[in-house]
Amino acid sequence: MLKYIKYLLASLFVIALLDGCGHAKPKVNDKIQEAKKQQKRVKKVKDTTLETIYVDTKAKYTGRIAQNIKDECKIDSQVIEWIKRYSAKNHIKIIVGGKPKATDKVLKISITDAMSQRMGPMGHYKYVVISGKLYKGKKLISSFKAGRQSGGGYFGGYRNSCSVLGSCAKTLGKDTSKWLKNPKNNALYGDIHLIK
């Protein structure tokens, strides 16, 4: 009987020892695997950001644009917001209102033309034209122009003027982000017949 109890205790000791060792390995492996995953995530974040570009908080009105558009609508800030959003999808980081260094890239956006006419029950005739210049320090790298028009789409008659102009600003933001991915000089985008 005593022999049987000794055998049982020895067996339990061996099982406990093996069980303890069995749990130690996965913990070490889990830590190694987690560290590898973290390294991959950091590397992926680093690799996906192509560059950083600074831009003012608002586009500048440089053309003869009706005062009511300037006063009532916010296309000057909307176009910047859409540039930032669409550029992030293209892995370009846009810093709005930051303080660039002499070697940083800076994008200057100007609204050169805008029209807001209501066409009665037919809807709207609106358009916005912008120009953009990309600098590195004080040196001009390249420039582009883009124009977009909108009638308000379906149920356009129920939309207000600023909403329709905002749609133009959104599409111009998308155009700008495409250009930033491959900034060819003197490029034209969108409804180019609007560009003077």
C-alpha atoms as a PDB file:
ATOM      1  CA  MET A   1       0.000   0.000   0.000  1.00  0.00           C
ATOM      2  CA  LEU A   2       2.811   2.375   0.951  1.00  0.00           C
ATOM      3  CA  LYS A   3       4.555   1.486  -2.297  1.00  0.00           C
ATOM      4  CA  TYR A   4       1.383   2.271  -4.234  1.00  0.00           C
ATOM      5  CA  ILE A   5       1.053   5.735  -2.545  1.00  0.00           C
ATOM      6  CA  LYS A   6       4.714   6.551  -3.296  1.00  0.00           C
ATOM      7  CA  TYR A   7       4.168   5.544  -6.931  1.00  0.00           C
ATOM      8  CA  LEU A   8       1.022   7.709  -7.126  1.00  0.00           C
ATOM      9  CA  LEU A   9       2.758  10.758  -5.585  1.00  0.00           C
ATOM     10  CA  ALA A  10       5.739  10.372  -7.927  1.00  0.00           C
ATOM     11  CA  SER A  11       3.386  10.183 -10.914  1.00  0.00           C
ATOM     12  CA  LEU A  12       1.530  13.304  -9.804  1.00  0.00           C
ATOM     13  CA  PHE A  13       4.851  15.148  -9.339  1.00  0.00           C
ATOM     14  CA  VAL A  14       5.993  14.226 -12.870  1.00  0.00           C
ATOM     15  CA  ILE A  15       2.611  15.264 -14.339  1.00  0.00           C
ATOM     16  CA  ALA A  16       2.751  18.617 -12.500  1.00  0.00           C
ATOM     17  CA  LEU A  17       6.316  19.198 -13.671  1.00  0.00           C
ATOM     18  CA  LEU A  18       5.473  18.416 -17.305  1.00  0.00           C
ATOM     19  CA  ASP A  19       2.299  20.481 -17.160  1.00  0.00           C
ATOM     20  CA  GLY A  20       4.219  23.460 -15.789  1.00  0.00           C
ATOM     21  CA  CYS A  21       6.870  23.184 -18.479  1.00  0.00           C
ATOM     22  CA  GLY A  22       4.223  22.784 -21.147  1.00  0.00           C
ATOM     23  CA  HIS A  23       2.676  26.149 -20.254  1.00  0.00           C
ATOM     24  CA  ALA A  24       5.971  28.019 -20.136  1.00  0.00           C
ATOM     25  CA  LYS A  25       6.784  27.460 -23.807  1.00  0.00           C
ATOM     26  CA  PRO A  26       3.649  28.961 -25.346  1.00  0.00           C
ATOM     27  CA  LYS A  27       4.075  32.084 -23.200  1.00  0.00           C
ATOM     28  CA  VAL A  28       7.557  32.685 -24.606  1.00  0.00           C
ATOM     29  CA  ASN A  29       6.376  31.842 -28.121  1.00  0.00           C
ATOM     30  CA  ASP A  30       3.364  34.143 -27.737  1.00  0.00           C
ATOM     31  CA  LYS A  31       5.639  37.028 -26.752  1.00  0.00           C
ATOM     32  CA  ILE A  32       7.932  36.385 -29.714  1.00  0.00           C
ATOM     33  CA  GLN A  33       4.976  36.164 -32.101  1.00  0.00           C
ATOM     34  CA  GLU A  34       3.461  39.374 -30.709  1.00  0.00           C
ATOM     35  CA  ALA A  35       6.804  41.196 -31.057  1.00  0.00           C
ATOM     36  CA  LYS A  36       7.064  40.051 -34.695  1.00  0.00           C
ATOM     37  CA  LYS A  37       3.503  41.227 -35.405  1.00  0.00           C
ATOM     38  CA  GLN A  38       4.259  44.602 -33.816  1.00  0.00           C
ATOM     39  CA  GLN A  39       7.392  44.989 -35.975  1.00  0.00           C
ATOM     40  CA  LYS A  40       5.360  44.199 -39.107  1.00  0.00           C
ATOM     41  CA  ARG A  41       2.710  46.771 -38.124  1.00  0.00           C
ATOM     42  CA  VAL A  42       5.345  49.481 -37.520  1.00  0.00           C
ATOM     43  CA  LYS A  43       7.092  48.636 -40.796  1.00  0.00           C
ATOM     44  CA  LYS A  44       3.771  48.714 -42.655  1.00  0.00           C
ATOM     45  CA  VAL A  45       2.905  52.170 -41.254  1.00  0.00           C
ATOM     46  CA  LYS A  46       6.355  53.484 -42.209  1.00  0.00           C
ATOM     47  CA  ASP A  47       6.161  52.028 -45.714  1.00  0.00           C
ATOM     48  CA  THR A  48       2.676  53.300 -46.551  1.00  0.00           C
ATOM     49  CA  THR A  49       3.320  56.999 -45.892  1.00  0.00           C
ATOM     50  CA  LEU A  50       4.894  58.354 -49.073  1.00  0.00           C
ATOM     51  CA  GLU A  51       5.477  61.908 -47.888  1.00  0.00           C
ATOM     52  CA  THR A  52       4.262  64.797 -45.766  1.00  0.00           C
ATOM     53  CA  ILE A  53       2.935  68.031 -47.273  1.00  0.00           C
ATOM     54  CA  TYR A  54       1.949  71.243 -45.481  1.00  0.00           C
ATOM     55  CA  VAL A  55      -1.050  73.335 -46.519  1.00  0.00           C
ATOM     56  CA  ASP A  56      -2.785  76.473 -45.189  1.00  0.00           C
ATOM     57  CA  THR A  57      -6.060  76.118 -43.287  1.00  0.00           C
ATOM     58  CA  LYS A  58      -7.954  77.815 -46.128  1.00  0.00           C
ATOM     59  CA  ALA A  59      -7.512  78.256 -49.860  1.00  0.00           C
ATOM     60  CA  LYS A  60      -7.008  81.858 -50.957  1.00  0.00           C
ATOM     61  CA  TYR A  61      -9.570  83.629 -53.120  1.00  0.00           C
ATOM     62  CA  THR A  62      -7.545  85.162 -55.933  1.00  0.00           C
ATOM     63  CA  GLY A  63     -10.120  85.711 -58.685  1.00  0.00           C
ATOM     64  CA  ARG A  64     -13.170  87.932 -59.008  1.00  0.00           C
ATOM     65  CA  ILE A  65     -15.571  85.864 -56.956  1.00  0.00           C
ATOM     66  CA  ALA A  66     -18.964  87.061 -55.756  1.00  0.00           C
ATOM     67  CA  GLN A  67     -18.867  88.282 -52.165  1.00  0.00           C
ATOM     68  CA  ASN A  68     -21.905  86.192 -51.186  1.00  0.00           C
ATOM     69  CA  ILE A  69     -19.961  83.011 -52.045  1.00  0.00           C
ATOM     70  CA  LYS A  70     -17.097  84.150 -49.809  1.00  0.00           C
ATOM     71  CA  ASP A  71     -19.418  85.224 -46.989  1.00  0.00           C
ATOM     72  CA  GLU A  72     -22.000  82.427 -47.004  1.00  0.00           C
ATOM     73  CA  CYS A  73     -20.140  79.324 -48.186  1.00  0.00           C
ATOM     74  CA  LYS A  74     -17.005  77.671 -46.873  1.00  0.00           C
ATOM     75  CA  ILE A  75     -15.474  76.263 -50.037  1.00  0.00           C
ATOM     76  CA  ASP A  76     -12.099  77.766 -49.069  1.00  0.00           C
ATOM     77  CA  SER A  77     -11.858  75.453 -46.041  1.00  0.00           C
ATOM     78  CA  GLN A  78     -13.848  72.570 -47.560  1.00  0.00           C
ATOM     79  CA  VAL A  79     -11.452  72.068 -50.465  1.00  0.00           C
ATOM     80  CA  ILE A  80      -8.540  71.830 -47.985  1.00  0.00           C
ATOM     81  CA  GLU A  81     -10.418  69.290 -45.833  1.00  0.00           C
ATOM     82  CA  TRP A  82     -11.162  67.096 -48.865  1.00  0.00           C
ATOM     83  CA  ILE A  83      -7.550  67.305 -50.056  1.00  0.00           C
ATOM     84  CA  LYS A  84      -6.496  66.024 -46.639  1.00  0.00           C
ATOM     85  CA  ARG A  85      -9.022  63.173 -46.593  1.00  0.00           C
ATOM     86  CA  TYR A  86      -8.376  61.919 -50.119  1.00  0.00           C
ATOM     87  CA  SER A  87      -4.596  62.296 -49.783  1.00  0.00           C
ATOM     88  CA  ALA A  88      -4.643  60.066 -46.688  1.00  0.00           C
ATOM     89  CA  LYS A  89      -6.127  57.318 -48.886  1.00  0.00           C
ATOM     90  CA  ASN A  90      -3.167  57.830 -51.235  1.00  0.00           C
ATOM     91  CA  HIS A  91      -0.745  57.545 -48.259  1.00  0.00           C
ATOM     92  CA  ILE A  92       0.156  61.243 -48.309  1.00  0.00           C
ATOM     93  CA  LYS A  93       0.046  63.015 -44.955  1.00  0.00           C
ATOM     94  CA  ILE A  94      -1.365  66.539 -45.181  1.00  0.00           C
ATOM     95  CA  ILE A  95      -0.595  68.836 -42.258  1.00  0.00           C
ATOM     96  CA  VAL A  96      -3.084  71.711 -42.167  1.00  0.00           C
ATOM     97  CA  GLY A  97      -1.867  74.976 -40.665  1.00  0.00           C
ATOM     98  CA  GLY A  98       1.471  73.595 -39.482  1.00  0.00           C
ATOM     99  CA  LYS A  99       4.862  75.274 -39.484  1.00  0.00           C
ATOM    100  CA  PRO A 100       6.973  73.798 -42.278  1.00  0.00           C
ATOM    101  CA  LYS A 101      10.768  73.824 -42.222  1.00  0.00           C
ATOM    102  CA  ALA A 102      12.827  75.172 -45.116  1.00  0.00           C
ATOM    103  CA  THR A 103      13.167  71.683 -46.619  1.00  0.00           C
ATOM    104  CA  ASP A 104       9.490  70.660 -46.288  1.00  0.00           C
ATOM    105  CA  LYS A 105       6.982  70.502 -49.132  1.00  0.00           C
ATOM    106  CA  VAL A 106       4.215  73.120 -49.083  1.00  0.00           C
ATOM    107  CA  LEU A 107       1.042  73.153 -51.178  1.00  0.00           C
ATOM    108  CA  LYS A 108      -0.578  76.521 -51.949  1.00  0.00           C
ATOM    109  CA  ILE A 109      -4.195  76.348 -53.132  1.00  0.00           C
ATOM    110  CA  SER A 110      -6.055  79.293 -54.673  1.00  0.00           C
ATOM    111  CA  ILE A 111      -9.685  79.562 -55.734  1.00  0.00           C
ATOM    112  CA  THR A 112      -9.405  81.456 -59.004  1.00  0.00           C
ATOM    113  CA  ASP A 113     -13.033  81.357 -60.119  1.00  0.00           C
ATOM    114  CA  ALA A 114     -16.450  80.365 -58.786  1.00  0.00           C
ATOM    115  CA  MET A 115     -19.988  80.745 -60.089  1.00  0.00           C
ATOM    116  CA  SER A 116     -23.301  80.248 -58.328  1.00  0.00           C
ATOM    117  CA  GLN A 117     -26.468  80.563 -60.406  1.00  0.00           C
ATOM    118  CA  ARG A 118     -29.878  79.129 -59.658  1.00  0.00           C
ATOM    119  CA  MET A 119     -31.734  77.765 -62.682  1.00  0.00           C
ATOM    120  CA  GLY A 120     -35.224  77.800 -61.157  1.00  0.00           C
ATOM    121  CA  PRO A 121     -36.875  74.360 -61.086  1.00  0.00           C
ATOM    122  CA  MET A 122     -34.038  73.011 -63.267  1.00  0.00           C
ATOM    123  CA  GLY A 123     -31.637  73.152 -60.324  1.00  0.00           C
ATOM    124  CA  HIS A 124     -28.255  74.867 -60.212  1.00  0.00           C
ATOM    125  CA  TYR A 125     -25.350  75.939 -62.340  1.00  0.00           C
ATOM    126  CA  LYS A 126     -22.321  76.078 -60.072  1.00  0.00           C
ATOM    127  CA  TYR A 127     -18.621  75.685 -60.583  1.00  0.00           C
ATOM    128  CA  VAL A 128     -15.328  76.191 -58.797  1.00  0.00           C
ATOM    129  CA  VAL A 129     -11.855  76.514 -60.331  1.00  0.00           C
ATOM    130  CA  ILE A 130      -8.674  76.128 -58.298  1.00  0.00           C
ATOM    131  CA  SER A 131      -4.957  76.309 -58.910  1.00  0.00           C
ATOM    132  CA  GLY A 132      -2.297  74.582 -56.878  1.00  0.00           C
ATOM    133  CA  LYS A 133       1.430  75.106 -56.538  1.00  0.00           C
ATOM    134  CA  LEU A 134       3.759  72.675 -54.810  1.00  0.00           C
ATOM    135  CA  TYR A 135       6.935  74.117 -53.291  1.00  0.00           C
ATOM    136  CA  LYS A 136       9.959  72.613 -51.596  1.00  0.00           C
ATOM    137  CA  GLY A 137      11.161  75.430 -49.421  1.00  0.00           C
ATOM    138  CA  LYS A 138      10.925  78.475 -51.721  1.00  0.00           C
ATOM    139  CA  LYS A 139      11.464  76.513 -54.918  1.00  0.00           C
ATOM    140  CA  LEU A 140       8.393  75.798 -57.078  1.00  0.00           C
ATOM    141  CA  ILE A 141       8.301  72.095 -57.992  1.00  0.00           C
ATOM    142  CA  SER A 142       5.108  71.922 -60.061  1.00  0.00           C
ATOM    143  CA  SER A 143       1.614  73.345 -60.485  1.00  0.00           C
ATOM    144  CA  PHE A 144      -1.852  72.363 -61.682  1.00  0.00           C
ATOM    145  CA  LYS A 145      -5.314  73.760 -62.355  1.00  0.00           C
ATOM    146  CA  ALA A 146      -8.671  72.046 -61.910  1.00  0.00           C
ATOM    147  CA  GLY A 147     -12.290  72.978 -62.426  1.00  0.00           C
ATOM    148  CA  ARG A 148     -15.513  71.230 -61.436  1.00  0.00           C
ATOM    149  CA  GLN A 149     -19.142  72.077 -62.127  1.00  0.00           C
ATOM    150  CA  SER A 150     -22.373  70.725 -60.674  1.00  0.00           C
ATOM    151  CA  GLY A 151     -26.083  71.103 -61.228  1.00  0.00           C
ATOM    152  CA  GLY A 152     -26.842  69.574 -57.829  1.00  0.00           C
ATOM    153  CA  GLY A 153     -27.589  66.059 -59.078  1.00  0.00           C
ATOM    154  CA  TYR A 154     -30.938  64.368 -58.470  1.00  0.00           C
ATOM    155  CA  PHE A 155     -33.242  66.570 -56.415  1.00  0.00           C
ATOM    156  CA  GLY A 156     -30.729  69.390 -56.966  1.00  0.00           C
ATOM    157  CA  GLY A 157     -33.575  71.886 -56.756  1.00  0.00           C
ATOM    158  CA  TYR A 158     -33.910  71.053 -53.064  1.00  0.00           C
ATOM    159  CA  ARG A 159     -30.242  71.680 -52.280  1.00  0.00           C
ATOM    160  CA  ASN A 160     -28.915  75.094 -51.303  1.00  0.00           C
ATOM    161  CA  SER A 161     -26.158  76.851 -53.227  1.00  0.00           C
ATOM    162  CA  CYS A 162     -23.410  76.240 -50.664  1.00  0.00           C
ATOM    163  CA  SER A 163     -24.173  72.516 -50.623  1.00  0.00           C
ATOM    164  CA  VAL A 164     -23.725  72.272 -54.400  1.00  0.00           C
ATOM    165  CA  LEU A 165     -20.523  74.355 -54.301  1.00  0.00           C
ATOM    166  CA  GLY A 166     -19.361  72.019 -51.511  1.00  0.00           C
ATOM    167  CA  SER A 167     -19.792  69.080 -53.912  1.00  0.00           C
ATOM    168  CA  CYS A 168     -17.475  70.858 -56.348  1.00  0.00           C
ATOM    169  CA  ALA A 169     -14.956  71.401 -53.520  1.00  0.00           C
ATOM    170  CA  LYS A 170     -15.111  67.692 -52.633  1.00  0.00           C
ATOM    171  CA  THR A 171     -14.337  66.576 -56.189  1.00  0.00           C
ATOM    172  CA  LEU A 172     -11.550  69.152 -56.466  1.00  0.00           C
ATOM    173  CA  GLY A 173     -10.050  67.692 -53.287  1.00  0.00           C
ATOM    174  CA  LYS A 174     -10.024  64.293 -54.970  1.00  0.00           C
ATOM    175  CA  ASP A 175      -8.420  65.767 -58.107  1.00  0.00           C
ATOM    176  CA  THR A 176      -5.712  67.426 -56.011  1.00  0.00           C
ATOM    177  CA  SER A 177      -4.891  64.217 -54.137  1.00  0.00           C
ATOM    178  CA  LYS A 178      -4.458  62.385 -57.463  1.00  0.00           C
ATOM    179  CA  TRP A 179      -2.128  65.116 -58.668  1.00  0.00           C
ATOM    180  CA  LEU A 180      -0.085  65.001 -55.435  1.00  0.00           C
ATOM    181  CA  LYS A 181       0.562  61.305 -56.042  1.00  0.00           C
ATOM    182  CA  ASN A 182       2.278  62.207 -59.336  1.00  0.00           C
ATOM    183  CA  PRO A 183       2.619  66.028 -59.510  1.00  0.00           C
ATOM    184  CA  LYS A 184       3.159  66.767 -63.210  1.00  0.00           C
ATOM    185  CA  ASN A 185       3.778  70.414 -63.989  1.00  0.00           C
ATOM    186  CA  ASN A 186       0.976  72.443 -65.622  1.00  0.00           C
ATOM    187  CA  ALA A 187      -1.484  69.545 -65.269  1.00  0.00           C
ATOM    188  CA  LEU A 188      -5.206  70.132 -65.882  1.00  0.00           C
ATOM    189  CA  TYR A 189      -8.028  68.230 -64.168  1.00  0.00           C
ATOM    190  CA  GLY A 190     -11.784  67.990 -64.265  1.00  0.00           C
ATOM    191  CA  ASP A 191     -13.977  70.253 -66.384  1.00  0.00           C
ATOM    192  CA  ILE A 192     -11.071  71.944 -68.143  1.00  0.00           C
ATOM    193  CA  HIS A 193     -13.319  74.162 -70.282  1.00  0.00           C
ATOM    194  CA  LEU A 194     -13.887  76.210 -67.105  1.00  0.00           C
ATOM    195  CA  ILE A 195     -10.158  76.960 -66.722  1.00  0.00           C
ATOM    196  CA  LYS A 196      -9.080  80.309 -68.140  1.00  0.00           C
END
